[in-house]
Amino acid sequence: MSTVRLRPTFRLPLATDRETAIETIRGRLTADERFAGRWRGKGRWAEIYVPHKQRRLWSPHLSLRLDREGKDGCSLFGRFAPHPEVWTFFMFLYIGLAFGAVFGAVLGYVQWASNEAAWGLWALAIGLPAIGLIHLAGALGQRLGQSQMRALKEELDEILDGLTDGAPDAADARPT
């Protein structure tokens, strides 16, 4: 993960059917004490995250989904992301600032076209740099959490040991 991407993703082909993979991963995940994990939905969704004692604002979590591939195979889709409340806050800021910048641009244009003082353009001048600063803050958070992301990836490799059967491990998985 040398480049900064919002919510890096990967897909791994597994050498077993989905039900066997679910049971194997569930058993290994509940037996592990270094990281916390839980299952969601009807058994095909899982999350691995840093324990609360080690968790920081920038700490990542790993969402996993098992998909059927063909008749007897399956694949694992994984996504590293900040915790949902952090991601929601960042998206709220992005959308709010983008809306304010677009509204300010339209208001400023209308003011300018009406030969009035175009003070609405200040929203554009403030909003765009603020969006850039939020993106930089996200990149900084991802860099700060990189060691935890690497540890989650190593944990996933241990959990998937024997299920990949010659397929690349999570570190070498093809990004989606």
Protein backbone atom coordinates (compact mmCIF):
# COMPACT_ATOMS: atom_id res chain seq x y z
CA MET A 1 0.00 0.00 0.00
CA SER A 2 2.53 2.54 -1.11
CA THR A 3 -0.08 4.92 -2.56
CA VAL A 4 -2.86 6.48 -0.56
CA ARG A 5 -6.30 5.30 -1.69
CA LEU A 6 -9.59 5.86 0.00
CA ARG A 7 -10.66 2.48 1.37
CA PRO A 8 -8.18 0.10 -0.36
CA THR A 9 -9.87 -3.10 -1.60
CA PHE A 10 -8.76 -6.52 -2.83
CA ARG A 11 -10.25 -9.81 -4.02
CA LEU A 12 -8.78 -13.26 -3.27
CA PRO A 13 -9.85 -16.51 -4.92
CA LEU A 14 -10.23 -19.31 -2.36
CA ALA A 15 -9.75 -23.00 -3.05
CA THR A 16 -12.91 -24.16 -1.30
CA ASP A 17 -16.65 -23.62 -1.34
CA ARG A 18 -18.24 -20.70 0.48
CA GLU A 19 -19.80 -22.66 3.36
CA THR A 20 -16.52 -24.40 4.22
CA ALA A 21 -14.65 -21.09 4.01
CA ILE A 22 -17.21 -19.43 6.30
CA GLU A 23 -16.91 -22.15 8.94
CA THR A 24 -13.10 -22.20 8.76
CA ILE A 25 -12.73 -18.43 8.94
CA ARG A 26 -15.34 -18.14 11.70
CA GLY A 27 -13.54 -20.76 13.80
CA ARG A 28 -10.13 -19.18 13.35
CA LEU A 29 -11.43 -15.67 13.91
CA THR A 30 -13.15 -16.51 17.20
CA ALA A 31 -10.08 -18.41 18.44
CA ASP A 32 -7.77 -15.45 17.82
CA GLU A 33 -7.14 -13.12 20.76
CA ARG A 34 -4.91 -10.49 19.13
CA PHE A 35 -7.66 -8.88 17.06
CA ALA A 36 -11.39 -8.55 17.51
CA GLY A 37 -13.77 -9.87 14.89
CA ARG A 38 -17.44 -10.36 14.30
CA TRP A 39 -19.82 -11.81 11.75
CA ARG A 40 -22.59 -9.84 10.10
CA GLY A 41 -25.66 -10.74 8.11
CA LYS A 42 -26.30 -14.31 7.09
CA GLY A 43 -22.75 -15.47 7.58
CA ARG A 44 -20.97 -14.15 4.50
CA TRP A 45 -19.85 -10.83 6.04
CA ALA A 46 -17.11 -10.46 8.65
CA GLU A 47 -15.06 -7.68 10.18
CA ILE A 48 -11.63 -7.75 11.75
CA TYR A 49 -10.63 -4.70 13.75
CA VAL A 50 -8.09 -3.47 16.24
CA PRO A 51 -9.09 -4.05 19.89
CA HIS A 52 -10.51 -1.03 21.72
CA LYS A 53 -7.41 -0.61 23.90
CA GLN A 54 -5.23 -0.03 20.82
CA ARG A 55 -7.82 1.81 18.76
CA ARG A 56 -7.17 5.39 17.67
CA LEU A 57 -9.14 7.77 15.47
CA TRP A 58 -7.11 6.63 12.46
CA SER A 59 -7.26 2.89 13.24
CA PRO A 60 -8.53 0.82 10.30
CA HIS A 61 -10.85 -2.13 10.23
CA LEU A 62 -11.08 -4.82 7.58
CA SER A 63 -14.46 -5.74 6.12
CA LEU A 64 -14.69 -9.14 4.47
CA ARG A 65 -17.32 -10.65 2.18
CA LEU A 66 -17.37 -14.20 0.83
CA ASP A 67 -18.86 -14.51 -2.68
CA ARG A 68 -19.65 -17.63 -4.70
CA GLU A 69 -17.49 -18.14 -7.78
CA GLY A 70 -18.74 -20.78 -10.17
CA LYS A 71 -20.17 -24.04 -8.83
CA ASP A 72 -17.67 -25.04 -6.16
CA GLY A 73 -15.48 -22.00 -5.61
CA CYS A 74 -15.62 -18.74 -3.76
CA SER A 75 -13.69 -15.53 -3.45
CA LEU A 76 -13.00 -13.19 -0.59
CA PHE A 77 -13.58 -9.48 -1.08
CA GLY A 78 -11.81 -7.28 1.47
CA ARG A 79 -11.85 -3.56 2.14
CA PHE A 80 -9.72 -1.58 4.58
CA ALA A 81 -11.55 1.46 5.88
CA PRO A 82 -11.79 3.70 8.89
CA HIS A 83 -14.47 2.78 11.38
CA PRO A 84 -17.97 3.58 10.11
CA GLU A 85 -18.50 6.59 12.38
CA VAL A 86 -15.23 8.16 11.19
CA TRP A 87 -16.04 7.41 7.54
CA THR A 88 -19.53 8.89 7.93
CA PHE A 89 -18.11 12.05 9.49
CA PHE A 90 -15.60 12.47 6.65
CA MET A 91 -18.30 11.94 4.03
CA PHE A 92 -20.56 14.43 5.83
CA LEU A 93 -17.77 17.02 5.68
CA TYR A 94 -16.98 16.28 2.01
CA ILE A 95 -20.62 16.53 0.94
CA GLY A 96 -21.33 19.60 3.08
CA LEU A 97 -18.31 21.48 1.78
CA ALA A 98 -18.98 20.44 -1.82
CA PHE A 99 -22.60 21.59 -1.51
CA GLY A 100 -21.49 24.90 0.02
CA ALA A 101 -18.87 25.44 -2.71
CA VAL A 102 -21.34 24.74 -5.53
CA PHE A 103 -24.02 26.91 -3.89
CA GLY A 104 -21.47 29.71 -3.41
CA ALA A 105 -20.32 29.43 -7.02
CA VAL A 106 -23.90 29.69 -8.32
CA LEU A 107 -24.74 32.53 -5.95
CA GLY A 108 -21.52 34.33 -6.87
CA TYR A 109 -22.21 33.95 -10.57
CA VAL A 110 -25.75 35.31 -10.17
CA GLN A 111 -24.39 38.24 -8.14
CA TRP A 112 -21.69 38.91 -10.71
CA ALA A 113 -24.18 38.69 -13.61
CA SER A 114 -26.46 41.14 -11.75
CA ASN A 115 -23.58 43.61 -11.36
CA GLU A 116 -23.61 43.19 -7.59
CA ALA A 117 -20.73 42.39 -5.28
CA ALA A 118 -19.98 38.69 -5.83
CA TRP A 119 -19.39 37.82 -2.17
CA GLY A 120 -20.88 34.31 -2.78
CA LEU A 121 -17.63 33.29 -4.47
CA TRP A 122 -16.01 33.28 -1.04
CA ALA A 123 -17.79 29.98 -0.36
CA LEU A 124 -16.01 28.52 -3.39
CA ALA A 125 -12.67 30.00 -2.34
CA ILE A 126 -13.04 28.53 1.14
CA GLY A 127 -14.74 25.23 0.25
CA LEU A 128 -12.27 23.88 -2.31
CA PRO A 129 -9.14 24.28 -0.14
CA ALA A 130 -11.08 22.87 2.83
CA ILE A 131 -11.95 19.77 0.77
CA GLY A 132 -8.24 19.45 -0.06
CA LEU A 133 -7.34 19.72 3.63
CA ILE A 134 -9.85 17.02 4.54
CA HIS A 135 -8.35 14.76 1.89
CA LEU A 136 -4.86 15.43 3.29
CA ALA A 137 -6.13 14.64 6.80
CA GLY A 138 -7.50 11.33 5.50
CA ALA A 139 -4.17 10.55 3.84
CA LEU A 140 -2.33 11.37 7.06
CA GLY A 141 -4.69 9.14 9.05
CA GLN A 142 -4.13 6.31 6.61
CA ARG A 143 -0.37 6.69 6.92
CA LEU A 144 -0.61 6.74 10.73
CA GLY A 145 -2.72 3.58 10.66
CA GLN A 146 -0.52 1.79 8.13
CA SER A 147 1.18 -0.42 10.72
CA GLN A 148 -2.22 -1.52 12.06
CA MET A 149 -3.41 -2.11 8.49
CA ARG A 150 -0.37 -4.27 7.85
CA ALA A 151 -1.05 -6.20 11.08
CA LEU A 152 -4.68 -6.77 10.01
CA LYS A 153 -3.44 -8.01 6.64
CA GLU A 154 -1.02 -10.44 8.31
CA GLU A 155 -3.84 -11.63 10.57
CA LEU A 156 -6.01 -12.28 7.52
CA ASP A 157 -3.18 -14.25 5.91
CA GLU A 158 -2.98 -16.45 9.03
CA ILE A 159 -6.75 -16.94 9.06
CA LEU A 160 -6.76 -17.90 5.37
CA ASP A 161 -3.80 -20.28 5.71
CA GLY A 162 -4.66 -23.40 3.71
CA LEU A 163 -7.75 -21.87 2.07
CA THR A 164 -5.95 -20.05 -0.72
CA ASP A 165 -4.16 -23.15 -2.13
CA GLY A 166 -1.53 -21.41 -4.21
CA ALA A 167 -3.54 -18.23 -4.65
CA PRO A 168 -1.79 -15.02 -3.66
CA ASP A 169 -2.05 -14.00 -0.04
CA ALA A 170 -3.88 -10.85 1.00
CA ALA A 171 -0.71 -8.79 0.65
CA ASP A 172 -0.42 -9.73 -3.03
CA ALA A 173 -4.13 -9.79 -3.85
CA ARG A 174 -5.24 -7.91 -6.90
CA PRO A 175 -6.87 -4.59 -6.06
CA THR A 176 -10.41 -4.05 -7.25
